[in-house]
Amino acid sequence: MADFTVSLDELRKLKKKLADSETQLEEALRRMKDTGPKNLGRRSLDKACEDFEDDWESGLSKIKERIKVLNEALPHILKAYEQTEEEINDAVNGAGRGTK
């Protein structure tokens, strides 16, 4: 039989890390807009840089969206696990009282 455990402390740490990641991605996207390719010389090089920036920005935006969804869901997940743990403790303690 498989053992399944969830560390509430680790879920809390994950939430903090995800929130930090979202902030870092926002900063990266802002800096990318501020920097961008600026006439590096040859038009083909400028175009390649623009294409790369567009792809990179699109990828970062998608990651940011997914992190945001996780950040919004994680408090509900954490609450559900906390509630489940509390109900299990209550049931175990209640069963122990019933046998005395």
N, C-alpha and C. Protein backbone atom coordinates (compact mmCIF):
# COMPACT_ATOMS: atom_id res chain seq x y z
N MET A 1 0.84 -1.17 0.00
CA MET A 1 0.00 0.00 0.00
C MET A 1 0.90 1.25 0.00
N ALA A 2 0.54 2.24 -0.78
CA ALA A 2 1.32 3.46 -0.89
C ALA A 2 1.06 4.36 0.32
N ASP A 3 2.12 5.03 0.74
CA ASP A 3 2.02 5.96 1.85
C ASP A 3 1.83 7.36 1.27
N PHE A 4 0.81 8.06 1.72
CA PHE A 4 0.53 9.39 1.22
C PHE A 4 0.49 10.36 2.38
N THR A 5 1.42 11.30 2.38
CA THR A 5 1.42 12.33 3.42
C THR A 5 1.58 13.70 2.77
N VAL A 6 1.06 14.70 3.42
CA VAL A 6 1.18 16.07 2.95
C VAL A 6 1.72 16.90 4.11
N SER A 7 2.80 17.62 3.83
CA SER A 7 3.36 18.50 4.84
C SER A 7 2.74 19.89 4.67
N LEU A 8 1.98 20.31 5.67
CA LEU A 8 1.37 21.63 5.62
C LEU A 8 2.43 22.73 5.62
N ASP A 9 3.52 22.51 6.35
CA ASP A 9 4.60 23.50 6.35
C ASP A 9 5.20 23.64 4.95
N GLU A 10 5.37 22.52 4.25
CA GLU A 10 5.91 22.58 2.89
C GLU A 10 4.94 23.27 1.94
N LEU A 11 3.65 23.08 2.11
CA LEU A 11 2.67 23.78 1.29
C LEU A 11 2.74 25.29 1.53
N ARG A 12 2.93 25.66 2.79
CA ARG A 12 3.06 27.09 3.11
C ARG A 12 4.32 27.67 2.46
N LYS A 13 5.43 26.91 2.51
CA LYS A 13 6.67 27.36 1.88
C LYS A 13 6.49 27.48 0.36
N LEU A 14 5.77 26.52 -0.22
CA LEU A 14 5.51 26.57 -1.66
C LEU A 14 4.73 27.82 -2.02
N LYS A 15 3.74 28.16 -1.22
CA LYS A 15 2.95 29.36 -1.49
C LYS A 15 3.84 30.60 -1.50
N LYS A 16 4.74 30.70 -0.52
CA LYS A 16 5.66 31.84 -0.46
C LYS A 16 6.57 31.87 -1.68
N LYS A 17 7.10 30.72 -2.05
CA LYS A 17 8.00 30.66 -3.21
C LYS A 17 7.26 31.04 -4.50
N LEU A 18 6.03 30.60 -4.63
CA LEU A 18 5.25 30.95 -5.82
C LEU A 18 4.96 32.45 -5.87
N ALA A 19 4.64 33.02 -4.72
CA ALA A 19 4.40 34.47 -4.67
C ALA A 19 5.67 35.22 -5.05
N ASP A 20 6.81 34.78 -4.53
CA ASP A 20 8.09 35.40 -4.88
C ASP A 20 8.38 35.25 -6.37
N SER A 21 8.08 34.08 -6.93
CA SER A 21 8.30 33.83 -8.36
C SER A 21 7.46 34.75 -9.21
N GLU A 22 6.22 34.95 -8.81
CA GLU A 22 5.34 35.84 -9.57
C GLU A 22 5.92 37.26 -9.60
N THR A 23 6.40 37.72 -8.46
CA THR A 23 7.00 39.05 -8.38
C THR A 23 8.25 39.13 -9.26
N GLN A 24 9.08 38.10 -9.22
CA GLN A 24 10.30 38.09 -10.02
C GLN A 24 10.00 38.08 -11.52
N LEU A 25 8.97 37.34 -11.91
CA LEU A 25 8.59 37.32 -13.32
C LEU A 25 8.07 38.68 -13.77
N GLU A 26 7.29 39.33 -12.93
CA GLU A 26 6.81 40.67 -13.26
C GLU A 26 7.99 41.62 -13.47
N GLU A 27 8.98 41.51 -12.61
CA GLU A 27 10.17 42.35 -12.72
C GLU A 27 10.94 42.03 -14.01
N ALA A 28 11.07 40.75 -14.33
CA ALA A 28 11.77 40.36 -15.55
C ALA A 28 11.06 40.89 -16.79
N LEU A 29 9.73 40.79 -16.80
CA LEU A 29 8.96 41.31 -17.94
C LEU A 29 9.11 42.83 -18.05
N ARG A 30 9.09 43.51 -16.92
CA ARG A 30 9.25 44.97 -16.94
C ARG A 30 10.63 45.35 -17.48
N ARG A 31 11.65 44.67 -17.01
CA ARG A 31 13.01 44.98 -17.46
C ARG A 31 13.18 44.67 -18.95
N MET A 32 12.53 43.59 -19.39
CA MET A 32 12.64 43.23 -20.80
C MET A 32 12.04 44.33 -21.67
N LYS A 33 10.92 44.88 -21.24
CA LYS A 33 10.30 45.96 -22.01
C LYS A 33 11.20 47.19 -22.02
N ASP A 34 11.85 47.46 -20.87
CA ASP A 34 12.73 48.63 -20.77
C ASP A 34 13.98 48.48 -21.63
N THR A 35 14.46 47.25 -21.78
CA THR A 35 15.70 47.02 -22.49
C THR A 35 15.44 46.83 -23.98
N GLY A 36 14.95 45.66 -24.34
CA GLY A 36 14.61 45.37 -25.72
C GLY A 36 15.75 45.59 -26.69
N PRO A 37 15.62 45.06 -27.90
CA PRO A 37 16.66 45.28 -28.91
C PRO A 37 16.63 46.74 -29.36
N LYS A 38 17.79 47.33 -29.41
CA LYS A 38 17.89 48.74 -29.76
C LYS A 38 18.89 48.92 -30.90
N ASN A 39 18.46 48.66 -32.09
CA ASN A 39 19.31 48.90 -33.27
C ASN A 39 20.73 48.38 -33.08
N LEU A 40 20.85 47.09 -33.08
CA LEU A 40 22.15 46.46 -32.89
C LEU A 40 23.03 46.58 -34.14
N GLY A 41 22.44 47.00 -35.20
CA GLY A 41 23.23 47.14 -36.42
C GLY A 41 22.46 46.60 -37.61
N ARG A 42 22.74 45.39 -37.94
CA ARG A 42 22.08 44.76 -39.09
C ARG A 42 20.61 44.50 -38.78
N ARG A 43 19.78 44.75 -39.75
CA ARG A 43 18.35 44.55 -39.58
C ARG A 43 18.04 43.09 -39.25
N SER A 44 18.76 42.15 -39.84
CA SER A 44 18.49 40.74 -39.56
C SER A 44 18.78 40.41 -38.09
N LEU A 45 19.79 41.03 -37.53
CA LEU A 45 20.11 40.81 -36.11
C LEU A 45 19.05 41.46 -35.22
N ASP A 46 18.65 42.67 -35.58
CA ASP A 46 17.59 43.34 -34.82
C ASP A 46 16.31 42.50 -34.85
N LYS A 47 15.96 41.98 -36.02
CA LYS A 47 14.75 41.17 -36.18
C LYS A 47 14.85 39.89 -35.33
N ALA A 48 16.00 39.24 -35.36
CA ALA A 48 16.19 38.02 -34.56
C ALA A 48 16.03 38.32 -33.07
N CYS A 49 16.56 39.46 -32.64
CA CYS A 49 16.44 39.85 -31.24
C CYS A 49 14.99 40.15 -30.88
N GLU A 50 14.29 40.83 -31.77
CA GLU A 50 12.88 41.13 -31.53
C GLU A 50 12.06 39.85 -31.44
N ASP A 51 12.32 38.91 -32.34
CA ASP A 51 11.60 37.63 -32.32
C ASP A 51 11.88 36.87 -31.03
N PHE A 52 13.15 36.85 -30.62
CA PHE A 52 13.51 36.17 -29.39
C PHE A 52 12.80 36.83 -28.20
N GLU A 53 12.82 38.15 -28.17
CA GLU A 53 12.18 38.87 -27.07
C GLU A 53 10.68 38.57 -27.03
N ASP A 54 10.04 38.55 -28.19
CA ASP A 54 8.61 38.25 -28.25
C ASP A 54 8.32 36.85 -27.71
N ASP A 55 9.13 35.87 -28.15
CA ASP A 55 8.94 34.49 -27.68
C ASP A 55 9.18 34.39 -26.18
N TRP A 56 10.26 35.00 -25.72
CA TRP A 56 10.62 34.95 -24.31
C TRP A 56 9.54 35.62 -23.46
N GLU A 57 9.08 36.79 -23.91
CA GLU A 57 8.05 37.52 -23.17
C GLU A 57 6.75 36.71 -23.13
N SER A 58 6.42 36.08 -24.24
CA SER A 58 5.22 35.25 -24.28
C SER A 58 5.34 34.08 -23.30
N GLY A 59 6.48 33.44 -23.29
CA GLY A 59 6.71 32.32 -22.37
C GLY A 59 6.64 32.75 -20.92
N LEU A 60 7.27 33.87 -20.60
CA LEU A 60 7.24 34.37 -19.22
C LEU A 60 5.81 34.75 -18.82
N SER A 61 5.06 35.32 -19.74
CA SER A 61 3.67 35.68 -19.44
C SER A 61 2.84 34.44 -19.15
N LYS A 62 3.05 33.39 -19.91
CA LYS A 62 2.30 32.14 -19.67
C LYS A 62 2.67 31.54 -18.33
N ILE A 63 3.95 31.55 -18.00
CA ILE A 63 4.39 31.03 -16.70
C ILE A 63 3.77 31.86 -15.59
N LYS A 64 3.77 33.18 -15.76
CA LYS A 64 3.20 34.06 -14.74
C LYS A 64 1.72 33.76 -14.53
N GLU A 65 0.98 33.54 -15.62
CA GLU A 65 -0.44 33.20 -15.51
C GLU A 65 -0.64 31.92 -14.72
N ARG A 66 0.18 30.92 -15.00
CA ARG A 66 0.04 29.63 -14.30
C ARG A 66 0.41 29.76 -12.83
N ILE A 67 1.43 30.53 -12.54
CA ILE A 67 1.81 30.75 -11.14
C ILE A 67 0.68 31.48 -10.42
N LYS A 68 0.06 32.43 -11.09
CA LYS A 68 -1.05 33.17 -10.48
C LYS A 68 -2.19 32.21 -10.13
N VAL A 69 -2.52 31.30 -11.05
CA VAL A 69 -3.59 30.32 -10.79
C VAL A 69 -3.22 29.47 -9.57
N LEU A 70 -1.98 29.01 -9.52
CA LEU A 70 -1.53 28.22 -8.36
C LEU A 70 -1.59 29.04 -7.08
N ASN A 71 -1.16 30.29 -7.14
CA ASN A 71 -1.21 31.16 -5.95
C ASN A 71 -2.63 31.35 -5.45
N GLU A 72 -3.58 31.43 -6.37
CA GLU A 72 -4.97 31.61 -5.98
C GLU A 72 -5.55 30.31 -5.41
N ALA A 73 -5.13 29.16 -5.92
CA ALA A 73 -5.68 27.88 -5.48
C ALA A 73 -5.03 27.37 -4.20
N LEU A 74 -3.77 27.67 -4.00
CA LEU A 74 -3.04 27.09 -2.87
C LEU A 74 -3.65 27.38 -1.50
N PRO A 75 -4.14 28.58 -1.21
CA PRO A 75 -4.77 28.79 0.10
C PRO A 75 -5.97 27.87 0.33
N HIS A 76 -6.74 27.61 -0.72
CA HIS A 76 -7.89 26.70 -0.60
C HIS A 76 -7.44 25.26 -0.37
N ILE A 77 -6.38 24.88 -1.07
CA ILE A 77 -5.82 23.53 -0.90
C ILE A 77 -5.30 23.38 0.52
N LEU A 78 -4.55 24.36 0.97
CA LEU A 78 -3.99 24.33 2.32
C LEU A 78 -5.10 24.25 3.37
N LYS A 79 -6.13 25.06 3.20
CA LYS A 79 -7.25 25.05 4.14
C LYS A 79 -7.93 23.69 4.17
N ALA A 80 -8.11 23.08 3.00
CA ALA A 80 -8.75 21.76 2.93
C ALA A 80 -7.91 20.70 3.65
N TYR A 81 -6.59 20.74 3.46
CA TYR A 81 -5.73 19.77 4.15
C TYR A 81 -5.74 20.02 5.66
N GLU A 82 -5.71 21.29 6.07
CA GLU A 82 -5.76 21.60 7.50
C GLU A 82 -7.06 21.11 8.12
N GLN A 83 -8.15 21.33 7.42
CA GLN A 83 -9.45 20.88 7.91
C GLN A 83 -9.50 19.35 8.00
N THR A 84 -8.96 18.68 6.99
CA THR A 84 -8.94 17.22 7.00
C THR A 84 -8.11 16.70 8.17
N GLU A 85 -6.95 17.31 8.39
CA GLU A 85 -6.11 16.89 9.52
C GLU A 85 -6.84 17.10 10.84
N GLU A 86 -7.52 18.22 10.96
CA GLU A 86 -8.27 18.50 12.18
C GLU A 86 -9.39 17.48 12.38
N GLU A 87 -10.10 17.14 11.32
CA GLU A 87 -11.18 16.15 11.42
C GLU A 87 -10.63 14.76 11.77
N ILE A 88 -9.48 14.42 11.21
CA ILE A 88 -8.87 13.13 11.55
C ILE A 88 -8.47 13.10 13.01
N ASN A 89 -7.83 14.20 13.48
CA ASN A 89 -7.46 14.27 14.90
C ASN A 89 -8.67 14.19 15.81
N ASP A 90 -9.74 14.89 15.45
CA ASP A 90 -10.97 14.85 16.24
C ASP A 90 -11.54 13.43 16.27
N ALA A 91 -11.54 12.76 15.12
CA ALA A 91 -12.09 11.40 15.04
C ALA A 91 -11.26 10.43 15.87
N VAL A 92 -9.94 10.56 15.77
CA VAL A 92 -9.05 9.67 16.55
C VAL A 92 -9.23 9.93 18.04
N ASN A 93 -9.24 11.20 18.42
CA ASN A 93 -9.41 11.53 19.84
C ASN A 93 -10.80 11.13 20.33
N GLY A 94 -11.82 11.29 19.50
CA GLY A 94 -13.17 10.88 19.86
C GLY A 94 -13.27 9.38 20.01
N ALA A 95 -12.61 8.64 19.13
CA ALA A 95 -12.64 7.17 19.22
C ALA A 95 -11.92 6.70 20.48
N GLY A 96 -10.86 7.40 20.85
CA GLY A 96 -10.12 7.04 22.05
C GLY A 96 -10.95 7.27 23.31
N ARG A 97 -11.75 8.30 23.31
CA ARG A 97 -12.60 8.59 24.47
C ARG A 97 -13.74 7.60 24.59
N GLY A 98 -14.21 7.12 23.44
CA GLY A 98 -15.33 6.20 23.45
C GLY A 98 -14.99 4.82 23.99
N THR A 99 -13.72 4.45 24.01
CA THR A 99 -13.32 3.12 24.46
C THR A 99 -13.00 3.10 25.96
N LYS A 100 -12.97 4.24 26.60
CA LYS A 100 -12.60 4.25 28.02
C LYS A 100 -13.81 4.12 28.89
